[in-house]
C-alpha cells in the first residue's frame, strides 16, 4: 500500500542502510564435506551429511547446540528444518533457532523452539536462564505438526525485542518479549532427537519504521508506565507496562536542584509523593527519601521517586522501548547529562525523545544527531507536516481531542514518514475511532486493557478469547485484562467474569488456570520467579515493613530456604494470603 511504501522509503532516508542489508549475512546450503567455517558445536553431535546439517540429542536433558554468525539487532533468520527421529517417539521434543546466544553456547540465550507436535501450542519464544531453567513468555500453535520426516520452512524476523515466527510462510506468533544482549550471536538446537537443517539464510534488516502499514495494529504506549494498576512513573509501573507487551513505555524526566534527573510528570512532587515543593528546587538527598506509591495504594507504600538512572536500568532489563518526555525547560547541560546516560547504557536505538519544549528538541538534535525525536502538541499546527520537518522529528504526538477533528492529517504525516501516536486515551470506543483513523500508536493509562482489546479486534467476531492468550505465562505482579467476543460472560477456573475484568497473578495459585467462553478456552500458567517474589515483598500490603529489607536481600541472593524460614518464623506478622504466596513461590524455586 502507498502508506507502507512511503514509510519504508522515508525510513531508509532517516536510517542509514544496515551493513549487508542487500545480501544475506549468512547463506549456507551445506554443500561441503565438513562444518562451515565459524560454525562451532557446543553440545551434542553435529555433522554435515547428505547436503544437510545434522544435529543429535541423545536424551531429553541434552540441549545439543551449534553457534555461528554475528550479533545483529534487526534480522531475518530462515531455515528448512526436519526431525529425522525422536527419542522414544516423544512428540514434545523440539528443535530451535537461537536468536541471541553467546558464542560459547553458554546461558543465558533466547530461542524460537518448535515441537514435533507443533499444532498444539507447540511453538514458543523462550529464554534459557543462567539458572538453567526456562522462561517461556510466549507460546502459539502452528498451522500443522512439524512431525518426523517433513520439511518445514521456519522464518523468524527480529526487530530488537520483537519477534515474528512464520511456519511455512504463515505468521504464527508476534510478541515483544526478547531480552537482547549486547553481543549474542545465532545458533541451532535439538532436544531429544535427530534433526537436520538446510538453506540457512540470515539477512540484516532495517529498524522497523514507526509508521504502520495500512490496516496494521497500532503500537501500545504505556503512559507513565501501566499507570492504571500501579503508581505512575514508578519502577513498579514501568515494569508492569513492559509485562503487558507494550511496545513503548512512556515516562517523564526533569532535573533536581543538584543536577540529578528524576522521573516525575508534575512540576512539583506534591501530588504523587509524600513531599512538597518544586522538583528543580529540591536536592536529591530529599527526593531520594520520598514515598511515591502510598498515594495510589497502601500496597505500593515505599515505592521511591525514581532516579532516571534507575529507570534506564529497568529498561535495560525489559523488552519495551522508552518514549522519553523531556518536561522542560531543561538546560543544554541538563539535556547532555540525560542523553549521556542513555548513550552510556547503549539505549540510543531504543529511545524516542519527545517534548512540548521546542528548544529541548533543537538541543537534543545537536547533542546526539542519531537520537529519534518526537514533537508533542496540545493543538494541531496549521501545517503539521511542515512543522515536523522543521524540527526533524519522526513522530508527531498530539492530543487526540485536538487531532480528531483533523484526522486527515494522519495520512499526510504518514506519507511524509512521520508517525502519529496521540495521547492519552483510555476509552475502547475511542480506540476504535483511532484504529479507523490509522494512528500508529495509542498512548494510554490502560496498556493491558488495550492489549486485550487489540487482540480481540484482530481475531474478529467468532467466539474467541483474545486475552489472556492461550499458553501465556504470568508471574506475580502481572495483570491482564479479560477480552473475548461472541458471548456475554466468561469463567476463570469456573468463576464468572465479565469482559474487561482484571486477572491478577498475585491472586492466583501457581500452576495452570483456564478461561472459558462458550466452547473456547485459553489456558495460562502462573509461575514462580525471583522477580515475582521481589514484587510480592516490595509492593504487596501485608508484608511487615521491618521484614522487607531482609526478604529482598534473600530474594536477590536466591536464598529460598532462608526466605522460607524467615516467613514461617514470623508468619503471624504477615497477611495470610501474602504469606501463602511467599511460601508457595519460594518452595517452588528451591
Protein backbone atom coordinates (compact mmCIF):
# COMPACT_ATOMS: atom_id res chain seq x y z
CA UNK A 1 0.00 0.00 0.00
CA UNK A 2 1.08 3.62 -0.60
CA UNK A 3 1.35 4.39 3.12
CA UNK A 4 3.67 1.44 3.76
CA UNK A 5 5.85 2.13 0.71
CA UNK A 6 6.29 5.78 1.60
CA UNK A 7 7.07 4.91 5.20
CA UNK A 8 9.72 2.40 4.11
CA UNK A 9 11.27 4.98 1.76
CA UNK A 10 11.48 7.63 4.46
CA UNK A 11 12.84 5.10 6.97
CA UNK A 12 15.60 4.30 4.52
CA UNK A 13 16.42 8.01 4.29
CA UNK A 14 16.31 8.59 8.05
CA UNK A 15 18.20 5.43 8.99
CA UNK A 16 21.41 4.60 7.11
CA UNK A 17 21.29 1.26 5.36
CA UNK A 18 22.48 -1.57 7.57
CA UNK A 19 25.70 -3.22 6.52
CA UNK A 20 25.00 -6.25 4.37
CA UNK A 21 21.28 -5.49 4.11
CA UNK A 22 21.21 -6.07 0.34
CA UNK A 23 22.76 -9.53 0.59
CA UNK A 24 22.35 -12.24 3.24
CA UNK A 25 24.87 -12.16 6.05
CA UNK A 26 24.72 -15.97 6.04
CA UNK A 27 23.54 -18.13 3.13
CA UNK A 28 24.57 -21.71 3.89
CA UNK A 29 23.47 -24.78 1.86
CA UNK A 30 25.91 -27.29 3.40
CA UNK A 31 27.37 -28.36 0.07
CA UNK A 32 30.82 -29.06 1.54
CA UNK A 33 32.12 -32.12 3.38
CA UNK A 34 32.55 -30.60 6.83
CA UNK A 35 31.05 -27.95 9.05
CA UNK A 36 31.18 -24.45 7.58
CA UNK A 37 33.85 -22.09 8.89
CA UNK A 38 32.72 -20.36 12.05
CA UNK A 39 30.08 -22.99 12.92
CA UNK A 40 31.09 -24.44 16.28
CA UNK A 41 29.37 -27.34 18.08
CA UNK A 42 28.83 -26.57 21.78
CA UNK A 43 26.96 -29.68 22.89
CA UNK A 44 25.82 -32.90 21.24
CA UNK A 45 26.91 -34.25 17.87
CA UNK A 46 26.84 -32.10 14.71
CA UNK A 47 27.92 -33.05 11.18
CA UNK A 48 27.17 -32.32 7.55
CA UNK A 49 25.64 -35.35 5.85
CA UNK A 50 23.67 -35.64 2.60
CA UNK A 51 23.80 -31.91 1.97
CA UNK A 52 22.24 -31.04 5.35
CA UNK A 53 23.45 -30.11 8.81
CA UNK A 54 22.51 -32.90 11.23
CA UNK A 55 22.31 -32.41 15.00
CA UNK A 56 21.82 -35.22 17.53
CA UNK A 57 20.48 -35.02 21.06
CA UNK A 58 20.66 -38.36 22.85
CA UNK A 59 18.13 -37.54 25.58
CA UNK A 60 15.50 -35.10 26.75
CA UNK A 61 18.01 -33.43 29.05
CA UNK A 62 20.60 -32.74 26.34
CA UNK A 63 20.37 -29.35 24.64
CA UNK A 64 22.52 -30.02 21.59
CA UNK A 65 23.57 -26.74 20.04
CA UNK A 66 25.86 -25.18 17.49
CA UNK A 67 26.74 -21.48 17.33
CA UNK A 68 27.62 -19.23 14.41
CA UNK A 69 27.16 -15.76 12.99
CA UNK A 70 27.49 -12.19 14.27
CA UNK A 71 25.36 -10.21 16.68
CA UNK A 72 22.52 -8.50 14.81
CA UNK A 73 19.87 -6.19 16.22
CA UNK A 74 17.34 -6.45 13.38
CA UNK A 75 17.39 -9.52 11.15
CA UNK A 76 15.54 -12.34 9.41
CA UNK A 77 16.64 -15.91 10.25
CA UNK A 78 15.37 -18.66 7.92
CA UNK A 79 16.00 -22.38 7.81
CA UNK A 80 14.45 -25.52 6.37
CA UNK A 81 14.10 -27.92 9.30
CA UNK A 82 13.19 -31.59 9.68
CA UNK A 83 13.05 -34.09 12.50
CA UNK A 84 14.66 -37.36 11.41
CA UNK A 85 13.76 -39.22 14.63
CA UNK A 86 12.58 -38.64 18.19
CA UNK A 87 13.80 -40.21 21.42
CA UNK A 88 11.12 -42.74 22.40
CA UNK A 89 8.81 -41.18 19.80
CA UNK A 90 8.18 -38.26 22.17
CA UNK A 91 6.39 -35.57 20.11
CA UNK A 92 7.02 -32.94 22.80
CA UNK A 93 10.69 -32.83 21.73
CA UNK A 94 11.81 -29.73 19.90
CA UNK A 95 14.31 -28.05 17.63
CA UNK A 96 15.10 -24.35 17.77
CA UNK A 97 16.64 -21.34 16.10
CA UNK A 98 18.77 -19.43 18.63
CA UNK A 99 18.20 -15.70 18.20
CA UNK A 100 20.63 -14.35 20.79
CA UNK A 101 23.20 -16.86 22.07
CA UNK A 102 26.73 -16.29 23.40
CA UNK A 103 29.41 -17.56 21.06
CA UNK A 104 30.38 -20.25 23.59
CA UNK A 105 26.80 -21.53 23.80
CA UNK A 106 26.53 -20.67 27.50
CA UNK A 107 23.44 -19.33 29.25
CA UNK A 108 21.54 -17.11 29.00
CA UNK A 109 20.18 -17.30 25.48
CA UNK A 110 16.91 -16.72 23.58
CA UNK A 111 15.42 -19.09 21.03
CA UNK A 112 12.39 -19.88 18.91
CA UNK A 113 11.51 -23.52 19.55
CA UNK A 114 9.15 -25.73 17.52
CA UNK A 115 7.99 -29.07 18.91
CA UNK A 116 7.23 -32.10 16.79
CA UNK A 117 3.59 -31.67 17.93
CA UNK A 118 3.67 -28.03 16.91
CA UNK A 119 -0.06 -27.65 16.18
CA UNK A 120 -0.93 -27.97 19.89
CA UNK A 121 0.60 -24.79 21.33
CA UNK A 122 3.94 -26.19 20.22
CA UNK A 123 5.89 -23.08 19.24
CA UNK A 124 7.44 -20.63 21.65
CA UNK A 125 9.83 -17.78 22.28
CA UNK A 126 11.88 -18.91 25.26
CA UNK A 127 14.91 -17.98 27.32
CA UNK A 128 17.35 -20.41 28.87
CA UNK A 129 18.34 -18.59 32.04
CA UNK A 130 21.61 -18.51 33.93
CA UNK A 131 19.96 -20.83 36.47
CA UNK A 132 19.49 -23.44 33.67
CA UNK A 133 15.71 -23.04 33.83
CA UNK A 134 13.24 -21.91 31.20
CA UNK A 135 11.46 -18.58 30.91
CA UNK A 136 8.72 -19.02 28.28
CA UNK A 137 6.77 -15.76 27.86
CA UNK A 138 5.09 -16.62 24.55
CA UNK A 139 3.55 -19.75 23.04
CA UNK A 140 1.36 -20.35 19.99
CA UNK A 141 0.04 -23.14 17.78
CA UNK A 142 1.43 -23.77 14.32
CA UNK A 143 -0.96 -24.49 11.41
CA UNK A 144 0.18 -28.13 11.41
CA UNK A 145 2.55 -30.52 13.16
CA UNK A 146 6.22 -30.50 12.29
CA UNK A 147 6.20 -34.25 12.91
CA UNK A 148 9.01 -36.53 11.70
CA UNK A 149 10.41 -36.68 8.15
CA UNK A 150 8.72 -33.48 7.00
CA UNK A 151 10.50 -30.35 5.76
CA UNK A 152 9.17 -27.07 7.15
CA UNK A 153 10.48 -23.61 6.36
CA UNK A 154 10.88 -21.61 9.57
CA UNK A 155 11.40 -17.88 9.45
CA UNK A 156 11.89 -15.52 12.37
CA UNK A 157 12.01 -11.76 11.95
CA UNK A 158 13.61 -9.96 14.88
CA UNK A 159 13.35 -6.24 15.48
CA UNK A 160 15.15 -5.63 18.76
CA UNK A 161 12.88 -7.15 21.40
CA UNK A 162 10.10 -8.08 18.94
CA UNK A 163 9.99 -11.47 17.25
CA UNK A 164 7.74 -12.77 14.47
CA UNK A 165 7.64 -16.51 13.78
CA UNK A 166 6.49 -17.86 10.41
CA UNK A 167 5.78 -21.56 9.77
CA UNK A 168 5.83 -22.29 6.02
CA UNK A 169 5.20 -18.57 5.39
CA UNK A 170 2.21 -18.40 7.75
CA UNK A 171 2.55 -15.96 10.64
CA UNK A 172 2.23 -17.94 13.88
CA UNK A 173 3.27 -15.53 16.59
CA UNK A 174 4.34 -11.91 17.03
CA UNK A 175 5.45 -10.86 20.50
CA UNK A 176 7.71 -8.28 22.11
CA UNK A 177 9.42 -10.43 24.73
CA UNK A 178 13.08 -10.88 23.71
CA UNK A 179 15.60 -9.52 26.20
CA UNK A 180 18.57 -8.88 23.96
CA UNK A 181 22.25 -8.94 24.85
CA UNK A 182 24.96 -6.67 23.51
CA UNK A 183 26.89 -9.36 21.66
CA UNK A 184 24.90 -12.61 21.36
CA UNK A 185 25.02 -14.39 18.02
CA UNK A 186 22.98 -17.16 16.40
CA UNK A 187 22.64 -20.90 16.73
CA UNK A 188 20.64 -24.06 16.15
CA UNK A 189 19.45 -26.51 18.79
CA UNK A 190 18.00 -30.01 19.04
CA UNK A 191 16.39 -31.57 22.12
CA UNK A 192 15.51 -35.26 22.32
CA UNK A 193 16.04 -36.43 18.77
CA UNK A 194 17.89 -36.13 15.49
CA UNK A 195 17.13 -33.10 13.32
CA UNK A 196 18.51 -31.76 10.08
CA UNK A 197 18.73 -28.22 8.75
CA UNK A 198 19.21 -26.82 5.26
CA UNK A 199 19.21 -23.50 3.39
CA UNK A 200 20.06 -21.40 6.43
CA UNK A 201 19.80 -17.76 5.49
CA UNK A 202 20.26 -14.71 7.73
CA UNK A 203 19.59 -11.22 6.40
CA UNK A 204 20.13 -7.97 8.26
CA UNK A 205 17.05 -5.71 8.26
CA UNK A 206 16.41 -2.03 8.72
CA UNK A 207 14.87 -0.99 12.05
CA UNK A 208 11.11 -1.33 11.97
CA UNK A 209 9.63 2.05 10.97
CA UNK A 210 7.31 3.82 13.40
CA UNK A 211 4.79 4.41 10.62
CA UNK A 212 2.50 1.38 10.38
CA UNK A 213 1.27 -0.08 7.12
CA UNK A 214 -2.39 0.30 6.20
CA UNK A 215 -4.56 -1.82 8.47
CA UNK A 216 -1.73 -2.65 10.89
CA UNK A 217 -2.41 -2.71 14.60
CA UNK A 218 -1.07 0.44 16.34
CA UNK A 219 1.66 0.30 18.94
CA UNK A 220 0.67 0.27 22.61
CA UNK A 221 2.29 3.07 24.60
CA UNK A 222 2.01 2.63 28.37
CA UNK A 223 1.53 6.19 29.67
CA UNK A 224 3.74 6.83 32.70
CA UNK A 225 4.01 3.04 32.87
CA UNK A 226 0.92 0.92 33.45
CA UNK A 227 -0.48 3.80 35.45
CA UNK A 228 -3.99 2.41 35.96
CA UNK A 229 -2.66 -0.51 38.05
CA UNK A 230 0.50 0.97 39.62
CA UNK A 231 1.54 4.48 40.71
CA UNK A 232 2.56 6.50 37.68
CA UNK A 233 6.20 6.97 36.78
CA UNK A 234 7.44 4.46 39.37
CA UNK A 235 9.63 1.45 38.71
CA UNK A 236 6.62 -0.75 39.51
CA UNK A 237 4.53 0.97 36.83
CA UNK A 238 7.34 0.73 34.26
CA UNK A 239 7.81 -2.99 34.90
CA UNK A 240 4.06 -3.60 34.75
CA UNK A 241 3.82 -1.70 31.47
CA UNK A 242 6.59 -3.76 29.92
CA UNK A 243 4.93 -7.01 31.05
CA UNK A 244 1.75 -6.14 29.14
CA UNK A 245 3.74 -6.38 25.91
CA UNK A 246 3.59 -2.62 25.33
CA UNK A 247 5.91 -1.60 22.54
CA UNK A 248 6.70 1.63 24.36
CA UNK A 249 6.66 2.72 27.98
CA UNK A 250 6.39 6.49 28.35
CA UNK A 251 7.95 8.36 31.27
CA UNK A 252 8.77 11.99 32.10
CA UNK A 253 12.14 13.30 33.22
CA UNK A 254 13.25 16.55 34.86
CA UNK A 255 16.27 17.63 36.88
CA UNK A 256 16.68 18.33 40.59
CA UNK A 257 18.38 21.33 42.17
CA UNK A 258 21.69 19.45 42.38
CA UNK A 259 21.60 18.21 38.79
CA UNK A 260 20.16 14.69 39.21
CA UNK A 261 17.48 13.66 36.68
CA UNK A 262 14.30 12.16 38.18
CA UNK A 263 11.16 10.60 36.73
CA UNK A 264 8.22 12.89 37.51
CA UNK A 265 5.38 14.37 35.50
CA UNK A 266 4.29 17.36 37.56
CA UNK A 267 6.31 20.49 38.28
CA UNK A 268 6.03 19.67 41.99
CA UNK A 269 6.23 16.45 44.00
CA UNK A 270 3.04 17.26 45.93
CA UNK A 271 0.50 15.10 44.05
CA UNK A 272 2.40 11.83 43.70
CA UNK A 273 4.67 11.72 46.75
CA UNK A 274 4.52 12.46 50.48
CA UNK A 275 6.72 15.52 49.94
CA UNK A 276 6.13 19.07 48.85
CA UNK A 277 7.88 21.55 46.61
CA UNK A 278 9.00 22.05 43.03
CA UNK A 279 11.41 19.41 41.72
CA UNK A 280 14.01 21.94 40.44
CA UNK A 281 14.22 23.46 43.95
CA UNK A 282 14.75 20.15 45.79
CA UNK A 283 18.02 18.25 46.15
CA UNK A 284 18.50 14.54 45.63
CA UNK A 285 19.07 13.95 49.35
CA UNK A 286 15.44 14.99 49.90
CA UNK A 287 13.97 13.43 46.78
CA UNK A 288 15.51 10.01 47.45
CA UNK A 289 13.58 9.76 50.73
CA UNK A 290 10.12 10.40 49.24
CA UNK A 291 7.37 7.77 49.07
CA UNK A 292 5.91 7.80 45.54
CA UNK A 293 3.50 4.88 45.99
CA UNK A 294 1.27 5.35 49.03
CA UNK A 295 -0.92 7.99 47.34
CA UNK A 296 -2.01 5.34 44.85
CA UNK A 297 -2.46 2.37 47.20
CA UNK A 298 -1.06 1.11 50.51
CA UNK A 299 0.19 -1.89 48.51
CA UNK A 300 2.77 0.42 46.90
CA UNK A 301 3.99 2.08 50.06
CA UNK A 302 7.71 2.68 49.91
CA UNK A 303 7.98 2.98 46.13
CA UNK A 304 10.72 5.57 45.63
CA UNK A 305 10.62 8.58 43.37
CA UNK A 306 12.84 7.02 40.69
CA UNK A 307 16.10 8.49 39.63
CA UNK A 308 16.35 8.46 35.83
CA UNK A 309 19.36 6.16 36.15
CA UNK A 310 17.21 3.53 37.91
CA UNK A 311 14.52 3.88 35.26
CA UNK A 312 17.06 3.28 32.48
CA UNK A 313 18.33 0.20 34.29
CA UNK A 314 14.74 -1.08 34.33
CA UNK A 315 14.53 -0.60 30.56
CA UNK A 316 17.81 -2.45 30.03
CA UNK A 317 16.19 -5.46 31.74
CA UNK A 318 12.90 -5.23 29.83
CA UNK A 319 11.58 -5.65 26.30
CA UNK A 320 9.72 -2.34 25.86
CA UNK A 321 11.32 0.70 24.28
CA UNK A 322 11.37 4.08 26.01
CA UNK A 323 9.24 7.04 24.98
CA UNK A 324 11.05 9.71 26.96
CA UNK A 325 9.36 13.05 27.56
CA UNK A 326 11.63 15.95 28.47
CA UNK A 327 9.47 18.15 30.67
CA UNK A 328 11.39 21.35 30.11
CA UNK A 329 12.68 23.82 30.38
CA UNK A 330 15.86 21.78 30.70
CA UNK A 331 19.18 23.49 30.15
CA UNK A 332 21.61 22.31 27.49
CA UNK A 333 23.84 20.93 30.25
CA UNK A 334 20.93 19.01 31.82
CA UNK A 335 19.96 17.54 28.44
CA UNK A 336 23.55 16.49 27.80
CA UNK A 337 23.51 14.63 31.11
CA UNK A 338 20.19 12.90 30.35
CA UNK A 339 21.17 11.87 26.81
CA UNK A 340 24.62 10.83 28.01
CA UNK A 341 23.02 8.40 30.47
CA UNK A 342 21.00 6.89 27.60
CA UNK A 343 24.13 6.61 25.46
CA UNK A 344 26.19 5.00 28.24
CA UNK A 345 23.68 2.16 28.55
CA UNK A 346 23.56 1.50 24.81
CA UNK A 347 19.90 2.54 24.61
CA UNK A 348 20.01 5.18 21.87
CA UNK A 349 18.33 2.81 19.43
CA UNK A 350 15.54 2.04 21.91
CA UNK A 351 14.62 5.61 22.84
CA UNK A 352 12.30 8.13 21.21
CA UNK A 353 12.76 11.50 22.91
CA UNK A 354 9.73 13.78 22.77
CA UNK A 355 8.85 17.16 24.22
CA UNK A 356 6.49 20.12 24.03
CA UNK A 357 9.60 22.24 24.51
CA UNK A 358 10.89 23.14 21.04
CA UNK A 359 14.29 24.26 22.30
CA UNK A 360 14.75 20.91 24.04
CA UNK A 361 14.29 19.19 20.68
CA UNK A 362 16.80 21.53 19.00
CA UNK A 363 19.33 20.90 21.74
CA UNK A 364 18.76 17.14 21.66
CA UNK A 365 19.39 17.05 17.91
CA UNK A 366 22.65 18.92 18.36
CA UNK A 367 23.78 16.73 21.28
CA UNK A 368 23.03 13.38 19.61
CA UNK A 369 22.08 13.51 15.91
CA UNK A 370 21.21 9.79 15.83
CA UNK A 371 18.55 10.10 18.53
CA UNK A 372 14.97 9.76 17.29
CA UNK A 373 12.77 12.72 18.19
CA UNK A 374 9.04 13.32 18.59
CA UNK A 375 7.06 16.56 18.89
CA UNK A 376 4.26 16.82 21.46
CA UNK A 377 1.40 19.18 20.70
CA UNK A 378 -1.72 20.16 22.63
CA UNK A 379 -3.10 21.78 19.46
CA UNK A 380 -2.62 20.87 15.80
CA UNK A 381 -0.32 23.10 13.75
CA UNK A 382 -1.70 24.76 10.65
CA UNK A 383 0.65 22.54 8.62
CA UNK A 384 1.77 19.60 10.82
CA UNK A 385 3.98 18.14 8.08
CA UNK A 386 5.92 21.36 7.69
CA UNK A 387 6.30 21.65 11.46
CA UNK A 388 7.53 18.07 11.77
CA UNK A 389 10.08 18.66 9.02
CA UNK A 390 11.24 21.90 10.63
CA UNK A 391 12.12 20.08 13.85
CA UNK A 392 13.44 16.92 12.18
CA UNK A 393 11.10 14.65 14.12
CA UNK A 394 9.85 11.22 13.08
CA UNK A 395 6.80 11.30 15.40
CA UNK A 396 4.09 13.94 15.81
CA UNK A 397 2.21 13.11 19.01
CA UNK A 398 -0.75 15.40 19.68
CA UNK A 399 -3.72 15.33 22.00
CA UNK A 400 -6.33 13.05 20.43
CA UNK A 401 -9.05 15.57 21.29
CA UNK A 402 -7.22 18.15 19.20
CA UNK A 403 -6.41 15.73 16.37
CA UNK A 404 -9.81 14.04 16.00
CA UNK A 405 -11.46 16.92 14.06
CA UNK A 406 -8.49 16.92 11.66
CA UNK A 407 -7.82 13.19 11.45
CA UNK A 408 -6.97 13.53 7.74
CA UNK A 409 -3.61 14.93 8.87
CA UNK A 410 -2.59 11.41 9.96
CA UNK A 411 -2.39 10.25 6.35
CA UNK A 412 -0.42 13.38 5.33
CA UNK A 413 2.05 12.92 8.17
CA UNK A 414 2.44 9.20 7.46
CA UNK A 415 3.07 9.92 3.78
CA UNK A 416 5.89 12.19 4.92
CA UNK A 417 7.32 9.38 7.06
CA UNK A 418 6.11 10.83 10.36
CA UNK A 419 4.32 8.56 12.83
CA UNK A 420 1.31 9.75 14.83
CA UNK A 421 0.82 8.48 18.39
CA UNK A 422 -1.86 10.59 20.13
CA UNK A 423 -2.31 10.93 23.90
CA UNK A 424 -3.93 9.91 26.32
CA UNK A 425 -6.90 7.64 25.52
CA UNK A 426 -8.43 5.03 27.85
CA UNK A 427 -11.84 4.50 26.25
CA UNK A 428 -12.40 1.45 23.94
CA UNK A 429 -14.95 3.35 21.84
CA UNK A 430 -12.32 5.98 21.10
CA UNK A 431 -9.71 3.29 20.44
CA UNK A 432 -11.97 2.01 17.65
CA UNK A 433 -12.16 5.50 16.14
CA UNK A 434 -8.39 5.88 16.34
CA UNK A 435 -7.90 2.49 14.71
CA UNK A 436 -10.12 3.53 11.80
CA UNK A 437 -8.23 6.82 11.50
CA UNK A 438 -4.93 4.94 11.08
CA UNK A 439 -2.91 6.10 14.08
CA UNK A 440 0.48 4.46 14.52
CA UNK A 441 0.28 4.21 18.30
CA UNK A 442 -2.06 4.85 21.19
CA UNK A 443 -0.79 6.39 24.41
CA UNK A 444 -2.93 5.05 27.26
CA UNK A 445 -3.04 4.56 31.01
CA UNK A 446 -4.67 1.15 30.41
CA UNK A 447 -1.96 -0.70 28.50
CA UNK A 448 -3.16 -4.17 29.49
CA UNK A 449 -6.76 -3.44 28.55
CA UNK A 450 -5.66 -2.04 25.18
CA UNK A 451 -3.53 -5.13 24.54
CA UNK A 452 -6.54 -7.38 25.08
CA UNK A 453 -8.82 -5.12 23.06
CA UNK A 454 -6.44 -5.09 20.09
CA UNK A 455 -6.05 -8.88 20.25
CA UNK A 456 -9.82 -9.25 20.11
CA UNK A 457 -10.00 -6.83 17.19
CA UNK A 458 -7.51 -8.95 15.27
CA UNK A 459 -9.48 -12.13 15.89
CA UNK A 460 -12.83 -10.82 14.66
CA UNK A 461 -16.36 -11.78 15.61
CA UNK A 462 -16.41 -15.55 16.34
CA UNK A 463 -16.34 -16.64 19.94
CA UNK A 464 -12.68 -16.17 20.78
CA UNK A 465 -10.64 -15.38 23.84
CA UNK A 466 -8.25 -12.59 22.97
CA UNK A 467 -6.75 -12.08 26.42
CA UNK A 468 -5.24 -13.82 28.26
CA UNK A 469 -3.57 -15.55 25.35
CA UNK A 470 -3.63 -19.33 25.27
CA UNK A 471 -0.29 -20.53 26.59
CA UNK A 472 0.54 -17.26 28.37
CA UNK A 473 2.90 -17.44 31.32
CA UNK A 474 2.36 -14.96 34.16
CA UNK A 475 4.27 -14.24 37.32
CA UNK A 476 3.48 -12.18 40.42
CA UNK A 477 2.84 -8.57 39.52
CA UNK A 478 1.41 -9.37 36.08
CA UNK A 479 -2.08 -8.11 35.30
CA UNK A 480 -4.03 -8.95 32.13
CA UNK A 481 -7.41 -7.62 31.09
CA UNK A 482 -10.01 -10.24 30.11
CA UNK A 483 -11.07 -9.75 26.47
CA UNK A 484 -13.35 -12.01 24.44
CA UNK A 485 -16.11 -11.92 21.86
CA UNK A 486 -19.23 -13.83 20.94
CA UNK A 487 -20.60 -14.49 24.43
CA UNK A 488 -21.91 -12.41 27.36
CA UNK A 489 -19.70 -13.92 30.08
CA UNK A 490 -16.53 -15.92 30.72
CA UNK A 491 -15.32 -18.05 33.57
CA UNK A 492 -11.90 -18.28 35.19
CA UNK A 493 -11.43 -21.66 36.84
CA UNK A 494 -15.23 -21.92 36.97
CA UNK A 495 -15.83 -18.48 38.49
CA UNK A 496 -17.78 -15.96 36.34
CA UNK A 497 -16.03 -12.87 34.98
CA UNK A 498 -17.03 -10.01 32.68
CA UNK A 499 -15.06 -8.64 29.76
CA UNK A 500 -12.60 -6.02 30.97
CA UNK A 501 -12.14 -7.61 34.39
CA UNK A 502 -8.52 -7.76 35.52
CA UNK A 503 -6.81 -11.09 36.08
CA UNK A 504 -4.03 -10.60 38.61
CA UNK A 505 -1.33 -13.19 39.02
CA UNK A 506 -0.98 -12.01 42.61
CA UNK A 507 -4.40 -13.52 43.39
CA UNK A 508 -3.86 -16.94 41.80
CA UNK A 509 -2.17 -20.16 42.82
CA UNK A 510 0.85 -21.40 40.92
CA UNK A 511 0.06 -23.69 38.02
CA UNK A 512 -2.43 -23.82 35.17
CA UNK A 513 -5.64 -21.80 35.01
CA UNK A 514 -8.42 -21.92 32.45
CA UNK A 515 -10.58 -19.18 30.96
CA UNK A 516 -13.68 -20.46 29.14
CA UNK A 517 -16.04 -18.60 26.83
CA UNK A 518 -18.68 -20.82 25.29
CA UNK A 519 -16.81 -23.66 23.59
CA UNK A 520 -13.49 -21.78 23.55
CA UNK A 521 -10.86 -21.91 26.24
CA UNK A 522 -7.48 -20.35 26.96
CA UNK A 523 -5.05 -21.98 29.35
CA UNK A 524 -2.39 -19.93 31.05
CA UNK A 525 0.15 -20.64 33.75
CA UNK A 526 1.21 -18.72 36.83
CA UNK A 527 4.84 -19.50 37.58
CA UNK A 528 7.22 -18.65 40.39
CA UNK A 529 10.12 -16.35 39.54
CA UNK A 530 12.65 -14.37 41.54
CA UNK A 531 11.17 -11.22 40.00
CA UNK A 532 7.73 -12.26 41.20
CA UNK A 533 8.96 -12.86 44.76
CA UNK A 534 10.65 -9.46 44.71
CA UNK A 535 7.37 -7.88 43.60
CA UNK A 536 5.46 -9.56 46.43
CA UNK A 537 7.99 -8.48 49.03
CA UNK A 538 8.41 -4.93 47.73
CA UNK A 539 4.87 -3.83 46.94
CA UNK A 540 2.29 -6.15 48.48
CA UNK A 541 0.45 -4.82 51.51
CA UNK A 542 0.66 -7.37 54.32
CA UNK A 543 4.44 -7.77 54.38
CA UNK A 544 5.75 -6.28 57.65
CA UNK A 545 7.88 -3.25 56.81
CA UNK A 546 10.59 -4.40 59.21
CA UNK A 547 10.89 -7.67 57.26
CA UNK A 548 11.01 -6.25 53.70
CA UNK A 549 14.72 -5.43 53.61
CA UNK A 550 15.77 -8.84 54.87
CA UNK A 551 13.40 -10.65 52.48
CA UNK A 552 14.55 -8.60 49.48
CA UNK A 553 18.18 -9.37 50.31
CA UNK A 554 17.37 -13.10 50.46
CA UNK A 555 15.50 -12.84 47.16
CA UNK A 556 18.44 -11.17 45.43
CA UNK A 557 20.70 -13.94 46.72
CA UNK A 558 18.18 -16.66 45.67
CA UNK A 559 18.33 -17.96 49.25
CA UNK A 560 14.94 -19.65 49.12
CA UNK A 561 15.40 -21.92 52.12
CA UNK A 562 16.34 -18.99 54.34
CA UNK A 563 13.45 -16.94 52.96
CA UNK A 564 11.05 -19.77 53.83
CA UNK A 565 12.46 -19.93 57.32
CA UNK A 566 12.05 -16.16 57.74
CA UNK A 567 8.42 -16.15 56.61
CA UNK A 568 7.43 -19.19 58.64
CA UNK A 569 9.18 -17.91 61.75
CA UNK A 570 7.29 -14.60 61.63
CA UNK A 571 4.17 -15.77 59.80
CA UNK A 572 1.77 -14.21 62.31
CA UNK A 573 3.05 -10.75 61.29
CA UNK A 574 2.09 -11.30 57.63
CA UNK A 575 -1.23 -11.11 55.89
CA UNK A 576 -2.22 -14.79 55.50
CA UNK A 577 -2.64 -14.56 51.71
CA UNK A 578 0.73 -12.85 51.26
CA UNK A 579 2.46 -15.41 53.49
CA UNK A 580 0.86 -18.22 51.48
CA UNK A 581 2.13 -16.71 48.20
CA UNK A 582 5.67 -16.26 49.51
CA UNK A 583 5.80 -19.78 50.89
CA UNK A 584 4.35 -21.26 47.69
CA UNK A 585 6.71 -19.38 45.39
CA UNK A 586 9.85 -19.86 47.44
CA UNK A 587 9.10 -23.58 47.78
CA UNK A 588 8.75 -23.87 44.00
CA UNK A 589 12.06 -22.08 43.43
CA UNK A 590 14.11 -24.21 45.86
